[in-house]
């Protein structure tokens, strides 16, 4: 599966120091069908859970945004 990052997602990742490899690993571990999805995962090294919004179409996953949840909500 191909993972693409929107310009917004790249900027959020840089702002919050979230490596693209971390997002790709979370997506690889998730079994997602076509459509839009919101993932919330606790990641070691981050104080808050990471939220990832992704759109899946056939073989392409497009990360729309990714950021830490400041309120500390989890799945």
PDB file of N, CA and C in Angstrom:
ATOM      1  N   UNK A   1       0.831  -1.174   0.000  1.00  0.00           N
ATOM      2  CA  UNK A   1       0.000   0.000   0.000  1.00  0.00           C
ATOM      3  C   UNK A   1       0.886   1.252   0.000  1.00  0.00           C
ATOM      4  N   UNK A   2       0.520   2.235  -0.778  1.00  0.00           N
ATOM      5  CA  UNK A   2       1.281   3.475  -0.902  1.00  0.00           C
ATOM      6  C   UNK A   2       0.758   4.489   0.109  1.00  0.00           C
ATOM      7  N   UNK A   3       1.657   5.132   0.855  1.00  0.00           N
ATOM      8  CA  UNK A   3       1.277   6.156   1.833  1.00  0.00           C
ATOM      9  C   UNK A   3       1.755   7.511   1.322  1.00  0.00           C
ATOM     10  N   UNK A   4       0.806   8.436   1.190  1.00  0.00           N
ATOM     11  CA  UNK A   4       1.133   9.803   0.772  1.00  0.00           C
ATOM     12  C   UNK A   4       0.754  10.755   1.900  1.00  0.00           C
ATOM     13  N   UNK A   5       1.497  11.837   2.020  1.00  0.00           N
ATOM     14  CA  UNK A   5       1.220  12.849   3.041  1.00  0.00           C
ATOM     15  C   UNK A   5       0.786  14.140   2.359  1.00  0.00           C
ATOM     16  N   UNK A   6      -0.338  14.703   2.800  1.00  0.00           N
ATOM     17  CA  UNK A   6      -0.761  15.999   2.276  1.00  0.00           C
ATOM     18  C   UNK A   6       0.208  17.067   2.775  1.00  0.00           C
ATOM     19  N   UNK A   7       0.180  18.214   2.161  1.00  0.00           N
ATOM     20  CA  UNK A   7       1.057  19.307   2.594  1.00  0.00           C
ATOM     21  C   UNK A   7       0.759  19.683   4.036  1.00  0.00           C
ATOM     22  N   UNK A   8      -0.521  19.687   4.390  1.00  0.00           N
ATOM     23  CA  UNK A   8      -0.929  19.998   5.763  1.00  0.00           C
ATOM     24  C   UNK A   8      -0.344  18.971   6.744  1.00  0.00           C
ATOM     25  N   UNK A   9      -0.433  17.688   6.391  1.00  0.00           N
ATOM     26  CA  UNK A   9       0.084  16.629   7.270  1.00  0.00           C
ATOM     27  C   UNK A   9       1.597  16.759   7.451  1.00  0.00           C
ATOM     28  N   UNK A  10       2.308  17.096   6.393  1.00  0.00           N
ATOM     29  CA  UNK A  10       3.761  17.271   6.501  1.00  0.00           C
ATOM     30  C   UNK A  10       4.102  18.433   7.437  1.00  0.00           C
ATOM     31  N   UNK A  11       3.337  19.516   7.323  1.00  0.00           N
ATOM     32  CA  UNK A  11       3.588  20.674   8.189  1.00  0.00           C
ATOM     33  C   UNK A  11       3.270  20.364   9.640  1.00  0.00           C
ATOM     34  N   UNK A  12       2.172  19.660   9.916  1.00  0.00           N
ATOM     35  CA  UNK A  12       1.817  19.287  11.295  1.00  0.00           C
ATOM     36  C   UNK A  12       2.878  18.360  11.877  1.00  0.00           C
ATOM     37  N   UNK A  13       3.337  17.395  11.070  1.00  0.00           N
ATOM     38  CA  UNK A  13       4.356  16.452  11.538  1.00  0.00           C
ATOM     39  C   UNK A  13       5.639  17.197  11.904  1.00  0.00           C
ATOM     40  N   UNK A  14       6.024  18.156  11.091  1.00  0.00           N
ATOM     41  CA  UNK A  14       7.231  18.928  11.378  1.00  0.00           C
ATOM     42  C   UNK A  14       7.044  19.786  12.625  1.00  0.00           C
ATOM     43  N   UNK A  15       5.879  20.417  12.757  1.00  0.00           N
ATOM     44  CA  UNK A  15       5.588  21.275  13.902  1.00  0.00           C
ATOM     45  C   UNK A  15       5.641  20.499  15.218  1.00  0.00           C
ATOM     46  N   UNK A  16       5.038  19.305  15.227  1.00  0.00           N
ATOM     47  CA  UNK A  16       4.965  18.509  16.454  1.00  0.00           C
ATOM     48  C   UNK A  16       6.048  17.446  16.553  1.00  0.00           C
ATOM     49  N   UNK A  17       7.000  17.479  15.607  1.00  0.00           N
ATOM     50  CA  UNK A  17       8.133  16.539  15.605  1.00  0.00           C
ATOM     51  C   UNK A  17       7.676  15.076  15.598  1.00  0.00           C
ATOM     52  N   UNK A  18       6.724  14.773  14.717  1.00  0.00           N
ATOM     53  CA  UNK A  18       6.239  13.408  14.536  1.00  0.00           C
ATOM     54  C   UNK A  18       6.911  12.850  13.283  1.00  0.00           C
ATOM     55  N   UNK A  19       7.762  11.839  13.417  1.00  0.00           N
ATOM     56  CA  UNK A  19       8.433  11.280  12.233  1.00  0.00           C
ATOM     57  C   UNK A  19       7.436  10.598  11.294  1.00  0.00           C
ATOM     58  N   UNK A  20       7.631  10.763   9.985  1.00  0.00           N
ATOM     59  CA  UNK A  20       6.751  10.112   9.017  1.00  0.00           C
ATOM     60  C   UNK A  20       6.805   8.598   9.180  1.00  0.00           C
ATOM     61  N   UNK A  21       7.947   8.077   9.591  1.00  0.00           N
ATOM     62  CA  UNK A  21       8.079   6.630   9.781  1.00  0.00           C
ATOM     63  C   UNK A  21       7.149   6.132  10.889  1.00  0.00           C
ATOM     64  N   UNK A  22       6.926   6.944  11.925  1.00  0.00           N
ATOM     65  CA  UNK A  22       6.015   6.570  13.004  1.00  0.00           C
ATOM     66  C   UNK A  22       4.584   6.478  12.479  1.00  0.00           C
ATOM     67  N   UNK A  23       4.180   7.450  11.682  1.00  0.00           N
ATOM     68  CA  UNK A  23       2.836   7.449  11.104  1.00  0.00           C
ATOM     69  C   UNK A  23       2.674   6.253  10.165  1.00  0.00           C
ATOM     70  N   UNK A  24       3.691   5.993   9.343  1.00  0.00           N
ATOM     71  CA  UNK A  24       3.632   4.867   8.415  1.00  0.00           C
ATOM     72  C   UNK A  24       3.526   3.541   9.163  1.00  0.00           C
ATOM     73  N   UNK A  25       4.226   3.412  10.284  1.00  0.00           N
ATOM     74  CA  UNK A  25       4.154   2.180  11.080  1.00  0.00           C
ATOM     75  C   UNK A  25       2.755   1.981  11.658  1.00  0.00           C
ATOM     76  N   UNK A  26       2.155   3.047  12.168  1.00  0.00           N
ATOM     77  CA  UNK A  26       0.798   2.959  12.709  1.00  0.00           C
ATOM     78  C   UNK A  26      -0.184   2.543  11.615  1.00  0.00           C
ATOM     79  N   UNK A  27      -0.029   3.121  10.421  1.00  0.00           N
ATOM     80  CA  UNK A  27      -0.922   2.778   9.315  1.00  0.00           C
ATOM     81  C   UNK A  27      -0.717   1.339   8.847  1.00  0.00           C
ATOM     82  N   UNK A  28       0.534   0.874   8.864  1.00  0.00           N
ATOM     83  CA  UNK A  28       0.824  -0.500   8.447  1.00  0.00           C
ATOM     84  C   UNK A  28       0.199  -1.509   9.412  1.00  0.00           C
ATOM     85  N   UNK A  29       0.135  -1.152  10.696  1.00  0.00           N
ATOM     86  CA  UNK A  29      -0.435  -2.046  11.700  1.00  0.00           C
ATOM     87  C   UNK A  29      -1.964  -2.030  11.705  1.00  0.00           C
ATOM     88  N   UNK A  30      -2.572  -1.081  10.985  1.00  0.00           N
ATOM     89  CA  UNK A  30      -4.024  -0.947  10.955  1.00  0.00           C
ATOM     90  C   UNK A  30      -4.578  -1.557   9.669  1.00  0.00           C
ATOM     91  N   UNK A  31      -5.666  -2.281   9.801  1.00  0.00           N
ATOM     92  CA  UNK A  31      -6.330  -2.864   8.636  1.00  0.00           C
ATOM     93  C   UNK A  31      -7.494  -1.951   8.266  1.00  0.00           C
ATOM     94  N   UNK A  32      -7.279  -1.078   7.269  1.00  0.00           N
ATOM     95  CA  UNK A  32      -8.269  -0.062   6.916  1.00  0.00           C
ATOM     96  C   UNK A  32      -8.914  -0.361   5.574  1.00  0.00           C
ATOM     97  N   UNK A  33     -10.232  -0.174   5.505  1.00  0.00           N
ATOM     98  CA  UNK A  33     -10.957  -0.317   4.246  1.00  0.00           C
ATOM     99  C   UNK A  33     -11.030   1.046   3.566  1.00  0.00           C
ATOM    100  N   UNK A  34     -11.578   1.093   2.373  1.00  0.00           N
ATOM    101  CA  UNK A  34     -11.713   2.361   1.651  1.00  0.00           C
ATOM    102  C   UNK A  34     -12.579   3.335   2.436  1.00  0.00           C
ATOM    103  N   UNK A  35     -12.226   4.622   2.366  1.00  0.00           N
ATOM    104  CA  UNK A  35     -12.978   5.663   3.059  1.00  0.00           C
ATOM    105  C   UNK A  35     -12.079   6.482   3.961  1.00  0.00           C
ATOM    106  N   UNK A  36     -12.707   7.343   4.765  1.00  0.00           N
ATOM    107  CA  UNK A  36     -11.974   8.195   5.704  1.00  0.00           C
ATOM    108  C   UNK A  36     -11.948   7.549   7.078  1.00  0.00           C
ATOM    109  N   UNK A  37     -10.796   7.661   7.754  1.00  0.00           N
ATOM    110  CA  UNK A  37     -10.622   7.052   9.072  1.00  0.00           C
ATOM    111  C   UNK A  37      -9.890   7.999  10.005  1.00  0.00           C
ATOM    112  N   UNK A  38     -10.209   7.911  11.308  1.00  0.00           N
ATOM    113  CA  UNK A  38      -9.476   8.631  12.347  1.00  0.00           C
ATOM    114  C   UNK A  38      -8.858   7.581  13.264  1.00  0.00           C
ATOM    115  N   UNK A  39      -7.558   7.662  13.449  1.00  0.00           N
ATOM    116  CA  UNK A  39      -6.849   6.728  14.332  1.00  0.00           C
ATOM    117  C   UNK A  39      -6.262   7.506  15.490  1.00  0.00           C
ATOM    118  N   UNK A  40      -6.396   6.959  16.694  1.00  0.00           N
ATOM    119  CA  UNK A  40      -5.783   7.559  17.879  1.00  0.00           C
ATOM    120  C   UNK A  40      -4.941   6.470  18.531  1.00  0.00           C
ATOM    121  N   UNK A  41      -3.645   6.720  18.636  1.00  0.00           N
ATOM    122  CA  UNK A  41      -2.724   5.716  19.174  1.00  0.00           C
ATOM    123  C   UNK A  41      -1.775   6.350  20.180  1.00  0.00           C
ATOM    124  N   UNK A  42      -1.496   5.618  21.245  1.00  0.00           N
ATOM    125  CA  UNK A  42      -0.451   6.022  22.181  1.00  0.00           C
ATOM    126  C   UNK A  42       0.880   5.572  21.588  1.00  0.00           C
ATOM    127  N   UNK A  43       1.815   6.490  21.497  1.00  0.00           N
ATOM    128  CA  UNK A  43       3.125   6.208  20.915  1.00  0.00           C
ATOM    129  C   UNK A  43       4.179   6.535  21.959  1.00  0.00           C
ATOM    130  N   UNK A  44       5.111   5.606  22.160  1.00  0.00           N
ATOM    131  CA  UNK A  44       6.165   5.872  23.132  1.00  0.00           C
ATOM    132  C   UNK A  44       7.003   7.051  22.661  1.00  0.00           C
ATOM    133  N   UNK A  45       7.377   7.895  23.604  1.00  0.00           N
ATOM    134  CA  UNK A  45       8.162   9.075  23.272  1.00  0.00           C
ATOM    135  C   UNK A  45       7.311  10.333  23.138  1.00  0.00           C
ATOM    136  N   UNK A  46       5.990  10.173  23.161  1.00  0.00           N
ATOM    137  CA  UNK A  46       5.085  11.313  23.079  1.00  0.00           C
ATOM    138  C   UNK A  46       4.235  11.375  24.341  1.00  0.00           C
ATOM    139  N   UNK A  47       4.057  12.577  24.868  1.00  0.00           N
ATOM    140  CA  UNK A  47       3.290  12.769  26.095  1.00  0.00           C
ATOM    141  C   UNK A  47       1.808  12.483  25.873  1.00  0.00           C
ATOM    142  N   UNK A  48       1.297  12.850  24.694  1.00  0.00           N
ATOM    143  CA  UNK A  48      -0.121  12.693  24.382  1.00  0.00           C
ATOM    144  C   UNK A  48      -0.308  11.683  23.257  1.00  0.00           C
ATOM    145  N   UNK A  49      -1.502  11.086  23.151  1.00  0.00           N
ATOM    146  CA  UNK A  49      -1.769  10.184  22.018  1.00  0.00           C
ATOM    147  C   UNK A  49      -1.709  10.953  20.692  1.00  0.00           C
ATOM    148  N   UNK A  50      -1.367  10.255  19.626  1.00  0.00           N
ATOM    149  CA  UNK A  50      -1.279  10.849  18.297  1.00  0.00           C
ATOM    150  C   UNK A  50      -2.577  10.548  17.544  1.00  0.00           C
ATOM    151  N   UNK A  51      -3.154  11.573  16.946  1.00  0.00           N
ATOM    152  CA  UNK A  51      -4.349  11.399  16.119  1.00  0.00           C
ATOM    153  C   UNK A  51      -3.945  11.516  14.659  1.00  0.00           C
ATOM    154  N   UNK A  52      -4.396  10.553  13.868  1.00  0.00           N
ATOM    155  CA  UNK A  52      -4.092  10.526  12.442  1.00  0.00           C
ATOM    156  C   UNK A  52      -5.416  10.427  11.686  1.00  0.00           C
ATOM    157  N   UNK A  53      -5.626  11.349  10.747  1.00  0.00           N
ATOM    158  CA  UNK A  53      -6.798  11.297   9.880  1.00  0.00           C
ATOM    159  C   UNK A  53      -6.297  10.896   8.508  1.00  0.00           C
ATOM    160  N   UNK A  54      -6.859   9.802   7.986  1.00  0.00           N
ATOM    161  CA  UNK A  54      -6.365   9.237   6.727  1.00  0.00           C
ATOM    162  C   UNK A  54      -7.535   8.903   5.806  1.00  0.00           C
ATOM    163  N   UNK A  55      -7.306   9.076   4.518  1.00  0.00           N
ATOM    164  CA  UNK A  55      -8.278   8.714   3.497  1.00  0.00           C
ATOM    165  C   UNK A  55      -7.695   7.555   2.696  1.00  0.00           C
ATOM    166  N   UNK A  56      -8.479   6.482   2.530  1.00  0.00           N
ATOM    167  CA  UNK A  56      -7.997   5.299   1.820  1.00  0.00           C
ATOM    168  C   UNK A  56      -8.801   5.130   0.534  1.00  0.00           C
ATOM    169  N   UNK A  57      -8.091   5.040  -0.586  1.00  0.00           N
ATOM    170  CA  UNK A  57      -8.704   4.778  -1.888  1.00  0.00           C
ATOM    171  C   UNK A  57      -7.865   3.728  -2.590  1.00  0.00           C
ATOM    172  N   UNK A  58      -8.442   2.583  -2.866  1.00  0.00           N
ATOM    173  CA  UNK A  58      -7.770   1.435  -3.481  1.00  0.00           C
ATOM    174  C   UNK A  58      -6.460   1.129  -2.783  1.00  0.00           C
ATOM    175  N   UNK A  59      -5.340   1.401  -3.450  1.00  0.00           N
ATOM    176  CA  UNK A  59      -4.020   1.066  -2.911  1.00  0.00           C
ATOM    177  C   UNK A  59      -3.287   2.282  -2.350  1.00  0.00           C
ATOM    178  N   UNK A  60      -3.981   3.414  -2.197  1.00  0.00           N
ATOM    179  CA  UNK A  60      -3.316   4.645  -1.767  1.00  0.00           C
ATOM    180  C   UNK A  60      -3.930   5.156  -0.459  1.00  0.00           C
ATOM    181  N   UNK A  61      -3.064   5.349   0.537  1.00  0.00           N
ATOM    182  CA  UNK A  61      -3.479   5.968   1.803  1.00  0.00           C
ATOM    183  C   UNK A  61      -2.951   7.396   1.795  1.00  0.00           C
ATOM    184  N   UNK A  62      -3.834   8.371   1.978  1.00  0.00           N
ATOM    185  CA  UNK A  62      -3.422   9.771   2.035  1.00  0.00           C
ATOM    186  C   UNK A  62      -3.635  10.273   3.451  1.00  0.00           C
ATOM    187  N   UNK A  63      -2.537  10.647   4.104  1.00  0.00           N
ATOM    188  CA  UNK A  63      -2.624  11.195   5.458  1.00  0.00           C
ATOM    189  C   UNK A  63      -3.054  12.652   5.324  1.00  0.00           C
ATOM    190  N   UNK A  64      -4.218  12.969   5.899  1.00  0.00           N
ATOM    191  CA  UNK A  64      -4.754  14.324   5.806  1.00  0.00           C
ATOM    192  C   UNK A  64      -4.154  15.206   6.892  1.00  0.00           C
ATOM    193  N   UNK A  65      -4.079  14.681   8.116  1.00  0.00           N
ATOM    194  CA  UNK A  65      -3.451  15.424   9.209  1.00  0.00           C
ATOM    195  C   UNK A  65      -2.980  14.447  10.280  1.00  0.00           C
ATOM    196  N   UNK A  66      -2.097  14.911  11.134  1.00  0.00           N
ATOM    197  CA  UNK A  66      -1.600  14.129  12.268  1.00  0.00           C
ATOM    198  C   UNK A  66      -1.084  15.099  13.318  1.00  0.00           C
ATOM    199  N   UNK A  67      -1.503  14.872  14.559  1.00  0.00           N
ATOM    200  CA  UNK A  67      -1.131  15.780  15.645  1.00  0.00           C
ATOM    201  C   UNK A  67      -1.369  15.102  16.993  1.00  0.00           C
ATOM    202  N   UNK A  68      -0.716  15.600  18.059  1.00  0.00           N
ATOM    203  CA  UNK A  68      -0.964  15.050  19.391  1.00  0.00           C
ATOM    204  C   UNK A  68      -2.261  15.622  19.952  1.00  0.00           C
ATOM    205  N   UNK A  69      -3.043  14.766  20.630  1.00  0.00           N
ATOM    206  CA  UNK A  69      -4.265  15.209  21.282  1.00  0.00           C
ATOM    207  C   UNK A  69      -3.900  15.839  22.609  1.00  0.00           C
ATOM    208  N   UNK A  70      -4.006  17.131  22.709  1.00  0.00           N
ATOM    209  CA  UNK A  70      -3.578  17.861  23.897  1.00  0.00           C
ATOM    210  C   UNK A  70      -4.409  17.517  25.127  1.00  0.00           C
ATOM    211  N   UNK A  71      -5.675  17.113  24.926  1.00  0.00           N
ATOM    212  CA  UNK A  71      -6.531  16.815  26.063  1.00  0.00           C
ATOM    213  C   UNK A  71      -6.251  15.428  26.623  1.00  0.00           C
ATOM    214  N   UNK A  72      -5.425  14.648  25.927  1.00  0.00           N
ATOM    215  CA  UNK A  72      -5.041  13.347  26.433  1.00  0.00           C
ATOM    216  C   UNK A  72      -6.113  12.297  26.273  1.00  0.00           C
ATOM    217  N   UNK A  73      -7.102  12.544  25.385  1.00  0.00           N
ATOM    218  CA  UNK A  73      -8.128  11.535  25.144  1.00  0.00           C
ATOM    219  C   UNK A  73      -7.500  10.354  24.444  1.00  0.00           C
ATOM    220  N   UNK A  74      -7.993   9.182  24.739  1.00  0.00           N
ATOM    221  CA  UNK A  74      -7.477   8.001  24.066  1.00  0.00           C
ATOM    222  C   UNK A  74      -8.628   7.200  23.506  1.00  0.00           C
ATOM    223  N   UNK A  75      -8.291   6.140  22.800  1.00  0.00           N
ATOM    224  CA  UNK A  75      -9.262   5.346  22.085  1.00  0.00           C
ATOM    225  C   UNK A  75     -10.213   4.631  22.975  1.00  0.00           C
TER     226      UNK A  75
END
